[in-house]
Amino acid sequence: MPQNDLTTLMIIGGVFILLGLGAFFWGKSEEKHYYESISSRQDTREFLEGWPRRPQFGSLQAGGWIAVTIGIIMLAVGGAFSIWG
């Protein structure tokens, strides 16, 4: 593989890591804001029982971890090809 392709692969891996971390922390902050707003309401049944489930926060966090994993794999592959390629 040419050196330019390896550099591009590693840059894309870094972008995936940054986007994944951004999505993960965005999901955490959205979850925090949601539960802070719902705990201040008069009817806190949803807050206490946790029903109905809100999948949006977990999906942002899971997508963030998937993107971070893909980014790490891309960085490792790019590094391995540049060392042994």
Protein backbone atom coordinates (compact mmCIF):
# COMPACT_ATOMS: atom_id res chain seq x y z
CA MET A 1 0.00 0.00 0.00
CA PRO A 2 1.36 3.44 -0.81
CA GLN A 3 2.21 5.73 2.09
CA ASN A 4 -0.53 8.21 1.14
CA ASP A 5 -3.18 5.49 1.44
CA LEU A 6 -1.92 4.52 4.88
CA THR A 7 -1.98 8.12 6.04
CA THR A 8 -5.52 8.53 4.74
CA LEU A 9 -6.61 5.33 6.49
CA MET A 10 -5.13 6.51 9.78
CA ILE A 11 -6.68 9.98 9.47
CA ILE A 12 -10.10 8.45 8.83
CA GLY A 13 -9.57 6.21 11.88
CA GLY A 14 -8.82 9.28 13.99
CA VAL A 15 -11.93 11.01 12.69
CA PHE A 16 -14.01 7.95 13.61
CA ILE A 17 -12.58 8.04 17.13
CA LEU A 18 -13.38 11.74 17.52
CA LEU A 19 -16.90 11.35 16.15
CA GLY A 20 -17.49 8.31 18.35
CA LEU A 21 -16.38 10.10 21.49
CA GLY A 22 -18.52 13.08 20.52
CA ALA A 23 -21.59 10.87 20.06
CA PHE A 24 -20.96 9.08 23.34
CA PHE A 25 -20.64 12.28 25.36
CA TRP A 26 -23.59 13.83 23.53
CA GLY A 27 -25.73 10.85 24.54
CA LYS A 28 -24.57 11.14 28.15
CA SER A 29 -25.41 14.86 28.30
CA GLU A 30 -28.81 14.36 26.64
CA GLU A 31 -29.62 11.63 29.16
CA LYS A 32 -28.56 13.85 32.05
CA HIS A 33 -30.62 16.82 30.83
CA TYR A 34 -33.64 14.62 30.23
CA TYR A 35 -33.60 13.11 33.71
CA GLU A 36 -32.92 16.48 35.32
CA SER A 37 -35.94 17.99 33.57
CA ILE A 38 -38.23 15.06 34.34
CA SER A 39 -37.25 14.96 38.02
CA SER A 40 -38.42 18.57 38.46
CA ARG A 41 -41.94 17.80 37.19
CA GLN A 42 -44.93 17.24 39.41
CA ASP A 43 -45.69 13.74 38.11
CA THR A 44 -42.46 11.80 38.54
CA ARG A 45 -43.83 8.33 37.87
CA GLU A 46 -41.81 7.97 34.68
CA PHE A 47 -38.67 9.09 36.51
CA LEU A 48 -39.15 6.66 39.39
CA GLU A 49 -40.26 3.62 37.38
CA GLY A 50 -38.10 4.21 34.33
CA TRP A 51 -41.03 3.34 32.08
CA PRO A 52 -41.35 3.83 29.13
CA ARG A 53 -37.73 3.28 28.17
CA ARG A 54 -36.03 5.96 26.09
CA PRO A 55 -33.69 4.25 23.60
CA GLN A 56 -32.27 7.47 22.13
CA PHE A 57 -29.60 7.94 24.78
CA GLY A 58 -28.38 4.36 24.70
CA SER A 59 -28.28 4.32 20.91
CA LEU A 60 -26.08 7.43 20.81
CA GLN A 61 -23.72 5.88 23.33
CA ALA A 62 -23.65 2.49 21.57
CA GLY A 63 -23.03 4.17 18.22
CA GLY A 64 -20.22 6.14 19.79
CA TRP A 65 -18.54 3.00 21.09
CA ILE A 66 -18.92 1.31 17.70
CA ALA A 67 -17.33 4.30 15.95
CA VAL A 68 -14.46 4.36 18.46
CA THR A 69 -13.87 0.63 17.93
CA ILE A 70 -13.81 1.05 14.14
CA GLY A 71 -11.43 3.98 14.49
CA ILE A 72 -9.04 2.00 16.69
CA ILE A 73 -9.10 -0.90 14.24
CA MET A 74 -8.39 1.46 11.33
CA LEU A 75 -5.49 3.05 13.21
CA ALA A 76 -4.09 -0.38 14.09
CA VAL A 77 -4.37 -1.64 10.51
CA GLY A 78 -2.76 1.53 9.16
CA GLY A 79 0.04 1.30 11.71
CA ALA A 80 0.60 -2.39 11.02
CA PHE A 81 0.76 -1.85 7.26
CA SER A 82 3.16 1.05 7.65
CA ILE A 83 5.47 -1.03 9.89
CA TRP A 84 5.31 -4.40 8.11
CA GLY A 85 4.06 -3.33 4.69
